[in-house]
Amino acid sequence: MTSRVFIVTGGLRGLGRAMAIGLAAGGHRVVAVGHLQQDVEPLLGDPKLASCRDRIAPLVSDIRDPAACDRTVEAAFDRFGQLDGLINNAGLTFTYISPDGKGGPGPRFWEIADEITQNVINTNYVAAAQMAKRVAAHLVPKGWGRIVNVTTKLETMNRPGTTPYGPSKAALEMASEVWAKETAGTGVTVNILNPGAGAHTEGIAPELRKASREGRLGRFIEPEEMVPPLLWLVSDAANPVNGMRFDANAWDATLPPAEAAARTGIPAGFRMKEKEAPPRELD
């Protein structure tokens, strides 16, 4: 296996932390980016890093700031001497939008403070685009690289009570389709990896996580379930895979990765139903 260098945004907690640790344990080197200094020590103290702590570099950086994105990319080169990909995972979720909520529908769009809307859009889409732009500028010239974006289910994007989270993820979903088309043939791929369900992280209300563990709600994934599909997506075996989305809750880790991917992958973006498709112009 070739050891490569990846930036994981939102990499100090939740899904991002699990993916950063999984990449390091899988032999890669990782810059794990977060915005809270208090999250650094729990990452470095994780027992799963006992044999690979030298392969992970935590970085506190607010990637909503373009200058911070520049410094984040520079940090990968300064620490590991190269950069091979980006896992765009950083996000503000429902516990930020409605911190006093109990997991039900959030406030209606006209009830949400402008500052909350701006912060969610800046984190979930603008920061992801800023990071992807900078990373792709290094990857395309060398002819190999990976950008993996974390969006969400369509049912979450358009469900009432999800503004501005759902719309921000819809923007990243469509951007993923566009970026995949623009990187086609360059050796750089853009794909989506989602939980496919709720996850046992701080981004989900505690009441919902408790209900899931007690069997009163559908199964939520453990963050570590993101790792097997991610390790395949960043491998050479996935070189032909571009513009696809994969859900971790549907990934069967007992199967060969290519078979698990074939069973679960669908094109990124939004697909019109055939009857809604515009008529094709004749050549």
C-alpha atoms as a PDB file:
ATOM      1  CA  MET A   1       0.000   0.000   0.000  1.00  0.00           C
ATOM      2  CA  THR A   2       1.229   3.491  -0.846  1.00  0.00           C
ATOM      3  CA  SER A   3       1.308   5.795   2.175  1.00  0.00           C
ATOM      4  CA  ARG A   4      -0.332   9.085   1.304  1.00  0.00           C
ATOM      5  CA  VAL A   5      -1.100  12.375   3.048  1.00  0.00           C
ATOM      6  CA  PHE A   6      -4.652  13.576   3.650  1.00  0.00           C
ATOM      7  CA  ILE A   7      -6.254  16.565   5.308  1.00  0.00           C
ATOM      8  CA  VAL A   8      -9.383  15.705   7.299  1.00  0.00           C
ATOM      9  CA  THR A   9     -11.483  18.733   8.224  1.00  0.00           C
ATOM     10  CA  GLY A  10     -13.578  18.398  11.331  1.00  0.00           C
ATOM     11  CA  GLY A  11     -10.954  15.801  12.171  1.00  0.00           C
ATOM     12  CA  LEU A  12     -10.709  16.349  15.917  1.00  0.00           C
ATOM     13  CA  ARG A  13     -14.094  14.905  16.891  1.00  0.00           C
ATOM     14  CA  GLY A  14     -16.987  12.720  15.719  1.00  0.00           C
ATOM     15  CA  LEU A  15     -16.921  11.238  12.227  1.00  0.00           C
ATOM     16  CA  GLY A  16     -13.821  13.207  11.291  1.00  0.00           C
ATOM     17  CA  ARG A  17     -11.834  11.940  14.230  1.00  0.00           C
ATOM     18  CA  ALA A  18     -12.774   8.353  13.414  1.00  0.00           C
ATOM     19  CA  MET A  19     -11.758   8.836   9.783  1.00  0.00           C
ATOM     20  CA  ALA A  20      -8.480  10.553  10.711  1.00  0.00           C
ATOM     21  CA  ILE A  21      -7.567   7.737  13.082  1.00  0.00           C
ATOM     22  CA  GLY A  22      -8.652   5.127  10.535  1.00  0.00           C
ATOM     23  CA  LEU A  23      -6.455   6.643   7.831  1.00  0.00           C
ATOM     24  CA  ALA A  24      -3.460   6.795  10.183  1.00  0.00           C
ATOM     25  CA  ALA A  25      -4.002   3.225  11.371  1.00  0.00           C
ATOM     26  CA  GLY A  26      -4.268   2.223   7.707  1.00  0.00           C
ATOM     27  CA  GLY A  27      -0.761   3.526   7.022  1.00  0.00           C
ATOM     28  CA  HIS A  28      -1.514   7.024   5.752  1.00  0.00           C
ATOM     29  CA  ARG A  29      -0.454  10.359   7.255  1.00  0.00           C
ATOM     30  CA  VAL A  30      -3.087  12.840   8.319  1.00  0.00           C
ATOM     31  CA  VAL A  31      -3.531  16.493   9.195  1.00  0.00           C
ATOM     32  CA  ALA A  32      -6.620  16.435  11.420  1.00  0.00           C
ATOM     33  CA  VAL A  33      -8.180  19.905  11.440  1.00  0.00           C
ATOM     34  CA  GLY A  34     -10.609  21.295  13.995  1.00  0.00           C
ATOM     35  CA  HIS A  35     -11.496  24.649  15.493  1.00  0.00           C
ATOM     36  CA  LEU A  36     -11.306  23.833  19.213  1.00  0.00           C
ATOM     37  CA  GLN A  37      -8.013  23.391  21.048  1.00  0.00           C
ATOM     38  CA  GLN A  38      -9.785  21.299  23.694  1.00  0.00           C
ATOM     39  CA  ASP A  39     -10.333  18.516  21.128  1.00  0.00           C
ATOM     40  CA  VAL A  40      -6.626  17.968  20.424  1.00  0.00           C
ATOM     41  CA  GLU A  41      -5.716  16.002  23.540  1.00  0.00           C
ATOM     42  CA  PRO A  42      -8.570  13.454  23.271  1.00  0.00           C
ATOM     43  CA  LEU A  43      -7.474  12.714  19.715  1.00  0.00           C
ATOM     44  CA  LEU A  44      -3.814  12.224  20.608  1.00  0.00           C
ATOM     45  CA  GLY A  45      -4.760  10.182  23.655  1.00  0.00           C
ATOM     46  CA  ASP A  46      -6.928   7.740  21.720  1.00  0.00           C
ATOM     47  CA  PRO A  47      -5.562   4.200  22.294  1.00  0.00           C
ATOM     48  CA  LYS A  48      -6.149   3.317  18.633  1.00  0.00           C
ATOM     49  CA  LEU A  49      -3.284   5.691  17.801  1.00  0.00           C
ATOM     50  CA  ALA A  50      -0.796   3.883  20.045  1.00  0.00           C
ATOM     51  CA  SER A  51       1.171   2.452  17.121  1.00  0.00           C
ATOM     52  CA  CYS A  52       0.711   5.317  14.649  1.00  0.00           C
ATOM     53  CA  ARG A  53       0.652   8.581  16.593  1.00  0.00           C
ATOM     54  CA  ASP A  54       3.539   9.915  14.517  1.00  0.00           C
ATOM     55  CA  ARG A  55       1.325   9.702  11.437  1.00  0.00           C
ATOM     56  CA  ILE A  56      -1.280  12.182  12.655  1.00  0.00           C
ATOM     57  CA  ALA A  57      -0.877  15.935  13.100  1.00  0.00           C
ATOM     58  CA  PRO A  58      -3.708  17.824  14.813  1.00  0.00           C
ATOM     59  CA  LEU A  59      -4.227  21.401  13.683  1.00  0.00           C
ATOM     60  CA  VAL A  60      -6.521  24.036  15.181  1.00  0.00           C
ATOM     61  CA  SER A  61      -7.713  26.174  12.281  1.00  0.00           C
ATOM     62  CA  ASP A  62     -10.912  28.044  11.393  1.00  0.00           C
ATOM     63  CA  ILE A  63     -11.236  27.118   7.725  1.00  0.00           C
ATOM     64  CA  ARG A  64     -14.055  29.603   7.196  1.00  0.00           C
ATOM     65  CA  ASP A  65     -11.142  32.033   6.832  1.00  0.00           C
ATOM     66  CA  PRO A  66      -9.396  31.719   3.434  1.00  0.00           C
ATOM     67  CA  ALA A  67      -6.031  32.533   5.008  1.00  0.00           C
ATOM     68  CA  ALA A  68      -6.538  29.675   7.472  1.00  0.00           C
ATOM     69  CA  CYS A  69      -7.195  27.350   4.518  1.00  0.00           C
ATOM     70  CA  ASP A  70      -3.855  28.412   3.035  1.00  0.00           C
ATOM     71  CA  ARG A  71      -2.103  27.663   6.327  1.00  0.00           C
ATOM     72  CA  THR A  72      -3.844  24.297   6.575  1.00  0.00           C
ATOM     73  CA  VAL A  73      -2.526  23.197   3.187  1.00  0.00           C
ATOM     74  CA  GLU A  74       0.923  24.519   4.062  1.00  0.00           C
ATOM     75  CA  ALA A  75       0.841  22.505   7.294  1.00  0.00           C
ATOM     76  CA  ALA A  76       0.519  19.253   5.330  1.00  0.00           C
ATOM     77  CA  PHE A  77       3.627  20.054   3.323  1.00  0.00           C
ATOM     78  CA  ASP A  78       5.532  21.325   6.354  1.00  0.00           C
ATOM     79  CA  ARG A  79       4.796  18.217   8.419  1.00  0.00           C
ATOM     80  CA  PHE A  80       4.722  15.453   5.816  1.00  0.00           C
ATOM     81  CA  GLY A  81       6.254  16.936   2.658  1.00  0.00           C
ATOM     82  CA  GLN A  82       3.326  16.217   0.352  1.00  0.00           C
ATOM     83  CA  LEU A  83      -0.440  16.289  -0.034  1.00  0.00           C
ATOM     84  CA  ASP A  84      -2.605  13.684  -1.745  1.00  0.00           C
ATOM     85  CA  GLY A  85      -6.174  14.419  -0.774  1.00  0.00           C
ATOM     86  CA  LEU A  86      -8.861  16.064   1.295  1.00  0.00           C
ATOM     87  CA  ILE A  87     -11.707  14.705   3.393  1.00  0.00           C
ATOM     88  CA  ASN A  88     -14.225  17.573   3.589  1.00  0.00           C
ATOM     89  CA  ASN A  89     -16.022  16.604   6.774  1.00  0.00           C
ATOM     90  CA  ALA A  90     -16.258  19.793   8.875  1.00  0.00           C
ATOM     91  CA  GLY A  91     -19.832  20.809   9.557  1.00  0.00           C
ATOM     92  CA  LEU A  92     -22.197  22.592  11.898  1.00  0.00           C
ATOM     93  CA  THR A  93     -25.264  20.467  12.559  1.00  0.00           C
ATOM     94  CA  PHE A  94     -28.617  20.632  14.313  1.00  0.00           C
ATOM     95  CA  THR A  95     -27.109  20.837  17.794  1.00  0.00           C
ATOM     96  CA  TYR A  96     -25.571  24.153  16.738  1.00  0.00           C
ATOM     97  CA  ILE A  97     -28.698  25.466  15.028  1.00  0.00           C
ATOM     98  CA  SER A  98     -31.003  24.522  17.903  1.00  0.00           C
ATOM     99  CA  PRO A  99     -28.835  23.672  20.937  1.00  0.00           C
ATOM    100  CA  ASP A 100     -31.836  23.446  23.269  1.00  0.00           C
ATOM    101  CA  GLY A 101     -33.787  21.160  20.951  1.00  0.00           C
ATOM    102  CA  LYS A 102     -34.681  17.560  21.722  1.00  0.00           C
ATOM    103  CA  GLY A 103     -33.940  16.145  18.302  1.00  0.00           C
ATOM    104  CA  GLY A 104     -37.225  17.048  16.659  1.00  0.00           C
ATOM    105  CA  PRO A 105     -37.751  19.530  13.809  1.00  0.00           C
ATOM    106  CA  GLY A 106     -35.676  22.666  14.164  1.00  0.00           C
ATOM    107  CA  PRO A 107     -36.884  26.260  14.015  1.00  0.00           C
ATOM    108  CA  ARG A 108     -38.608  27.463  10.865  1.00  0.00           C
ATOM    109  CA  PHE A 109     -36.446  29.371   8.425  1.00  0.00           C
ATOM    110  CA  TRP A 110     -37.846  32.763   9.383  1.00  0.00           C
ATOM    111  CA  GLU A 111     -37.045  32.097  13.030  1.00  0.00           C
ATOM    112  CA  ILE A 112     -33.316  31.464  12.516  1.00  0.00           C
ATOM    113  CA  ALA A 113     -30.807  34.173  13.363  1.00  0.00           C
ATOM    114  CA  ASP A 114     -28.824  35.523  10.420  1.00  0.00           C
ATOM    115  CA  GLU A 115     -25.576  34.754  12.226  1.00  0.00           C
ATOM    116  CA  ILE A 116     -26.489  31.067  12.506  1.00  0.00           C
ATOM    117  CA  THR A 117     -27.369  30.849   8.819  1.00  0.00           C
ATOM    118  CA  GLN A 118     -24.112  32.549   7.848  1.00  0.00           C
ATOM    119  CA  ASN A 119     -21.967  30.341  10.080  1.00  0.00           C
ATOM    120  CA  VAL A 120     -23.580  27.122   8.849  1.00  0.00           C
ATOM    121  CA  ILE A 121     -23.257  28.043   5.174  1.00  0.00           C
ATOM    122  CA  ASN A 122     -19.690  29.248   5.686  1.00  0.00           C
ATOM    123  CA  THR A 123     -18.680  26.048   7.460  1.00  0.00           C
ATOM    124  CA  ASN A 124     -20.636  23.431   5.543  1.00  0.00           C
ATOM    125  CA  TYR A 125     -20.194  24.790   2.030  1.00  0.00           C
ATOM    126  CA  VAL A 126     -17.901  27.818   1.714  1.00  0.00           C
ATOM    127  CA  ALA A 127     -15.083  26.316   3.807  1.00  0.00           C
ATOM    128  CA  ALA A 128     -15.383  23.010   1.935  1.00  0.00           C
ATOM    129  CA  ALA A 129     -15.139  24.824  -1.400  1.00  0.00           C
ATOM    130  CA  GLN A 130     -12.187  26.910  -0.215  1.00  0.00           C
ATOM    131  CA  MET A 131     -10.321  23.797   0.913  1.00  0.00           C
ATOM    132  CA  ALA A 132     -11.179  21.792  -2.213  1.00  0.00           C
ATOM    133  CA  LYS A 133      -9.943  24.612  -4.446  1.00  0.00           C
ATOM    134  CA  ARG A 134      -6.587  24.810  -2.709  1.00  0.00           C
ATOM    135  CA  VAL A 135      -6.050  21.075  -2.502  1.00  0.00           C
ATOM    136  CA  ALA A 136      -7.094  20.427  -6.110  1.00  0.00           C
ATOM    137  CA  ALA A 137      -4.582  23.027  -7.294  1.00  0.00           C
ATOM    138  CA  HIS A 138      -1.840  20.745  -5.934  1.00  0.00           C
ATOM    139  CA  LEU A 139      -3.384  17.438  -6.974  1.00  0.00           C
ATOM    140  CA  VAL A 140      -4.299  18.069 -10.613  1.00  0.00           C
ATOM    141  CA  PRO A 141      -0.745  18.893 -11.806  1.00  0.00           C
ATOM    142  CA  LYS A 142       0.645  15.653 -10.377  1.00  0.00           C
ATOM    143  CA  GLY A 143      -2.158  13.533 -11.844  1.00  0.00           C
ATOM    144  CA  TRP A 144      -3.488  11.790  -8.742  1.00  0.00           C
ATOM    145  CA  GLY A 145      -5.588  12.771  -5.771  1.00  0.00           C
ATOM    146  CA  ARG A 146      -8.753  12.368  -3.777  1.00  0.00           C
ATOM    147  CA  ILE A 147     -11.455  14.745  -2.600  1.00  0.00           C
ATOM    148  CA  VAL A 148     -14.098  13.075  -0.445  1.00  0.00           C
ATOM    149  CA  ASN A 149     -17.028  15.227   0.663  1.00  0.00           C
ATOM    150  CA  VAL A 150     -19.466  14.450   3.462  1.00  0.00           C
ATOM    151  CA  THR A 151     -22.994  15.643   2.627  1.00  0.00           C
ATOM    152  CA  THR A 152     -26.201  14.024   3.956  1.00  0.00           C
ATOM    153  CA  LYS A 153     -29.327  12.183   2.860  1.00  0.00           C
ATOM    154  CA  LEU A 154     -31.669  13.867   0.383  1.00  0.00           C
ATOM    155  CA  GLU A 155     -34.465  13.376   2.903  1.00  0.00           C
ATOM    156  CA  THR A 156     -32.479  15.499   5.353  1.00  0.00           C
ATOM    157  CA  MET A 157     -31.639  18.178   2.807  1.00  0.00           C
ATOM    158  CA  ASN A 158     -35.270  18.920   1.962  1.00  0.00           C
ATOM    159  CA  ARG A 159     -37.060  18.028   5.204  1.00  0.00           C
ATOM    160  CA  PRO A 160     -38.842  20.932   6.944  1.00  0.00           C
ATOM    161  CA  GLY A 161     -36.953  22.145   9.972  1.00  0.00           C
ATOM    162  CA  THR A 162     -33.487  21.480   8.561  1.00  0.00           C
ATOM    163  CA  THR A 163     -32.634  25.007   7.366  1.00  0.00           C
ATOM    164  CA  PRO A 164     -29.837  26.011   7.014  1.00  0.00           C
ATOM    165  CA  TYR A 165     -28.150  22.619   7.514  1.00  0.00           C
ATOM    166  CA  GLY A 166     -29.995  20.752   4.758  1.00  0.00           C
ATOM    167  CA  PRO A 167     -29.583  23.473   2.121  1.00  0.00           C
ATOM    168  CA  SER A 168     -25.888  23.872   2.953  1.00  0.00           C
ATOM    169  CA  LYS A 169     -25.325  20.165   2.386  1.00  0.00           C
ATOM    170  CA  ALA A 170     -27.378  20.305  -0.807  1.00  0.00           C
ATOM    171  CA  ALA A 171     -24.942  22.920  -2.083  1.00  0.00           C
ATOM    172  CA  LEU A 172     -21.985  20.635  -1.335  1.00  0.00           C
ATOM    173  CA  GLU A 173     -23.809  17.703  -2.936  1.00  0.00           C
ATOM    174  CA  MET A 174     -24.265  19.559  -6.210  1.00  0.00           C
ATOM    175  CA  ALA A 175     -20.753  20.975  -6.037  1.00  0.00           C
ATOM    176  CA  SER A 176     -19.439  17.415  -5.751  1.00  0.00           C
ATOM    177  CA  GLU A 177     -21.108  16.490  -9.029  1.00  0.00           C
ATOM    178  CA  VAL A 178     -19.710  19.584 -10.735  1.00  0.00           C
ATOM    179  CA  TRP A 179     -16.202  19.108  -9.340  1.00  0.00           C
ATOM    180  CA  ALA A 180     -16.181  15.460 -10.431  1.00  0.00           C
ATOM    181  CA  LYS A 181     -17.000  16.524 -13.980  1.00  0.00           C
ATOM    182  CA  GLU A 182     -14.266  19.149 -13.923  1.00  0.00           C
ATOM    183  CA  THR A 183     -11.612  16.745 -12.610  1.00  0.00           C
ATOM    184  CA  ALA A 184     -12.555  13.932 -15.002  1.00  0.00           C
ATOM    185  CA  GLY A 185      -9.464  12.638 -16.765  1.00  0.00           C
ATOM    186  CA  THR A 186      -7.009  14.368 -14.426  1.00  0.00           C
ATOM    187  CA  GLY A 187      -6.406  11.454 -12.066  1.00  0.00           C
ATOM    188  CA  VAL A 188      -8.153  13.369  -9.279  1.00  0.00           C
ATOM    189  CA  THR A 189     -11.507  12.032  -8.146  1.00  0.00           C
ATOM    190  CA  VAL A 190     -14.335  13.692  -6.218  1.00  0.00           C
ATOM    191  CA  ASN A 191     -16.739  11.422  -4.371  1.00  0.00           C
ATOM    192  CA  ILE A 192     -19.144  11.571  -1.444  1.00  0.00           C
ATOM    193  CA  LEU A 193     -19.090   9.435   1.685  1.00  0.00           C
ATOM    194  CA  ASN A 194     -22.043   9.809   4.039  1.00  0.00           C
ATOM    195  CA  PRO A 195     -23.103   8.019   7.210  1.00  0.00           C
ATOM    196  CA  GLY A 196     -26.415   7.204   5.494  1.00  0.00           C
ATOM    197  CA  ALA A 197     -28.171   7.514   8.847  1.00  0.00           C
ATOM    198  CA  GLY A 198     -27.736   9.282  12.139  1.00  0.00           C
ATOM    199  CA  ALA A 199     -24.396   8.771  13.832  1.00  0.00           C
ATOM    200  CA  HIS A 200     -23.400   8.501  17.465  1.00  0.00           C
ATOM    201  CA  THR A 201     -21.591  11.835  17.557  1.00  0.00           C
ATOM    202  CA  GLU A 202     -21.975  15.198  19.263  1.00  0.00           C
ATOM    203  CA  GLY A 203     -23.782  16.489  16.153  1.00  0.00           C
ATOM    204  CA  ILE A 204     -26.896  14.461  16.985  1.00  0.00           C
ATOM    205  CA  ALA A 205     -29.091  15.301  19.954  1.00  0.00           C
ATOM    206  CA  PRO A 206     -28.392  13.017  22.957  1.00  0.00           C
ATOM    207  CA  GLU A 207     -32.070  12.063  23.135  1.00  0.00           C
ATOM    208  CA  LEU A 208     -31.941  10.682  19.606  1.00  0.00           C
ATOM    209  CA  ARG A 209     -28.747   8.748  20.233  1.00  0.00           C
ATOM    210  CA  LYS A 210     -30.258   7.261  23.378  1.00  0.00           C
ATOM    211  CA  ALA A 211     -33.421   6.262  21.512  1.00  0.00           C
ATOM    212  CA  SER A 212     -31.338   4.590  18.795  1.00  0.00           C
ATOM    213  CA  ARG A 213     -29.273   2.582  21.276  1.00  0.00           C
ATOM    214  CA  GLU A 214     -32.455   1.476  23.042  1.00  0.00           C
ATOM    215  CA  GLY A 215     -34.028   0.290  19.790  1.00  0.00           C
ATOM    216  CA  ARG A 216     -36.748   2.965  19.779  1.00  0.00           C
ATOM    217  CA  LEU A 217     -35.343   4.550  16.630  1.00  0.00           C
ATOM    218  CA  GLY A 218     -33.577   3.337  13.512  1.00  0.00           C
ATOM    219  CA  ARG A 219     -29.977   2.202  13.785  1.00  0.00           C
ATOM    220  CA  PHE A 220     -27.423   4.988  14.008  1.00  0.00           C
ATOM    221  CA  ILE A 221     -23.932   4.177  12.802  1.00  0.00           C
ATOM    222  CA  GLU A 222     -20.804   4.218  14.913  1.00  0.00           C
ATOM    223  CA  PRO A 223     -18.241   6.730  13.559  1.00  0.00           C
ATOM    224  CA  GLU A 224     -15.764   3.930  12.848  1.00  0.00           C
ATOM    225  CA  GLU A 225     -18.112   2.549  10.187  1.00  0.00           C
ATOM    226  CA  MET A 226     -16.963   5.380   7.927  1.00  0.00           C
ATOM    227  CA  VAL A 227     -13.448   3.953   7.793  1.00  0.00           C
ATOM    228  CA  PRO A 228     -13.731   0.840   5.527  1.00  0.00           C
ATOM    229  CA  PRO A 229     -15.365   2.693   2.603  1.00  0.00           C
ATOM    230  CA  LEU A 230     -12.989   5.633   3.078  1.00  0.00           C
ATOM    231  CA  LEU A 231      -9.878   3.453   2.947  1.00  0.00           C
ATOM    232  CA  TRP A 232     -11.133   1.954  -0.299  1.00  0.00           C
ATOM    233  CA  LEU A 233     -12.015   5.334  -1.807  1.00  0.00           C
ATOM    234  CA  VAL A 234      -8.508   6.699  -1.205  1.00  0.00           C
ATOM    235  CA  SER A 235      -6.807   3.578  -2.567  1.00  0.00           C
ATOM    236  CA  ASP A 236      -5.579   2.978  -6.104  1.00  0.00           C
ATOM    237  CA  ALA A 237      -8.317   0.364  -6.472  1.00  0.00           C
ATOM    238  CA  ALA A 238     -10.808   3.249  -6.642  1.00  0.00           C
ATOM    239  CA  ASN A 239      -8.943   5.151  -9.367  1.00  0.00           C
ATOM    240  CA  PRO A 240     -11.848   4.811 -11.859  1.00  0.00           C
ATOM    241  CA  VAL A 241     -14.476   5.906  -9.328  1.00  0.00           C
ATOM    242  CA  ASN A 242     -15.479   9.551  -9.738  1.00  0.00           C
ATOM    243  CA  GLY A 243     -18.683  11.456  -9.039  1.00  0.00           C
ATOM    244  CA  MET A 244     -20.241   8.786  -6.818  1.00  0.00           C
ATOM    245  CA  ARG A 245     -21.776   8.741  -3.357  1.00  0.00           C
ATOM    246  CA  PHE A 246     -21.537   5.943  -0.797  1.00  0.00           C
ATOM    247  CA  ASP A 247     -23.394   5.433   2.490  1.00  0.00           C
ATOM    248  CA  ALA A 248     -21.487   3.850   5.348  1.00  0.00           C
ATOM    249  CA  ASN A 249     -24.585   2.270   6.884  1.00  0.00           C
ATOM    250  CA  ALA A 250     -25.101   0.217   3.702  1.00  0.00           C
ATOM    251  CA  TRP A 251     -21.442  -0.778   3.281  1.00  0.00           C
ATOM    252  CA  ASP A 252     -20.901  -4.497   3.921  1.00  0.00           C
ATOM    253  CA  ALA A 253     -17.378  -4.762   5.309  1.00  0.00           C
ATOM    254  CA  THR A 254     -17.486  -8.557   5.014  1.00  0.00           C
ATOM    255  CA  LEU A 255     -17.432  -8.272   1.211  1.00  0.00           C
ATOM    256  CA  PRO A 256     -14.470  -7.372  -0.973  1.00  0.00           C
ATOM    257  CA  PRO A 257     -14.440  -3.539  -1.072  1.00  0.00           C
ATOM    258  CA  ALA A 258     -15.118  -3.316  -4.809  1.00  0.00           C
ATOM    259  CA  GLU A 259     -18.189  -5.526  -4.398  1.00  0.00           C
ATOM    260  CA  ALA A 260     -19.429  -3.531  -1.395  1.00  0.00           C
ATOM    261  CA  ALA A 261     -18.980  -0.344  -3.421  1.00  0.00           C
ATOM    262  CA  ALA A 262     -20.832  -1.739  -6.431  1.00  0.00           C
ATOM    263  CA  ARG A 263     -23.787  -2.638  -4.216  1.00  0.00           C
ATOM    264  CA  THR A 264     -24.053   0.740  -2.499  1.00  0.00           C
ATOM    265  CA  GLY A 265     -22.705   3.437  -4.823  1.00  0.00           C
ATOM    266  CA  ILE A 266     -24.989   5.823  -6.687  1.00  0.00           C
ATOM    267  CA  PRO A 267     -24.135   8.958  -8.703  1.00  0.00           C
ATOM    268  CA  ALA A 268     -23.589  12.134  -6.708  1.00  0.00           C
ATOM    269  CA  GLY A 269     -25.912  15.074  -7.190  1.00  0.00           C
ATOM    270  CA  PHE A 270     -29.617  15.115  -7.870  1.00  0.00           C
ATOM    271  CA  ARG A 271     -31.227  13.062 -10.618  1.00  0.00           C
ATOM    272  CA  MET A 272     -34.440  14.158 -12.303  1.00  0.00           C
ATOM    273  CA  LYS A 273     -37.016  11.491 -12.853  1.00  0.00           C
ATOM    274  CA  GLU A 274     -37.157  10.433 -16.482  1.00  0.00           C
ATOM    275  CA  LYS A 275     -40.549  12.066 -17.034  1.00  0.00           C
ATOM    276  CA  GLU A 276     -39.132  15.355 -15.708  1.00  0.00           C
ATOM    277  CA  ALA A 277     -36.034  15.311 -17.889  1.00  0.00           C
ATOM    278  CA  PRO A 278     -35.939  17.982 -20.614  1.00  0.00           C
ATOM    279  CA  PRO A 279     -36.277  16.729 -24.169  1.00  0.00           C
ATOM    280  CA  ARG A 280     -32.999  15.856 -25.828  1.00  0.00           C
ATOM    281  CA  GLU A 281     -31.973  18.097 -28.677  1.00  0.00           C
ATOM    282  CA  LEU A 282     -31.231  16.365 -31.938  1.00  0.00           C
ATOM    283  CA  ASP A 283     -27.666  16.517 -33.215  1.00  0.00           C
END
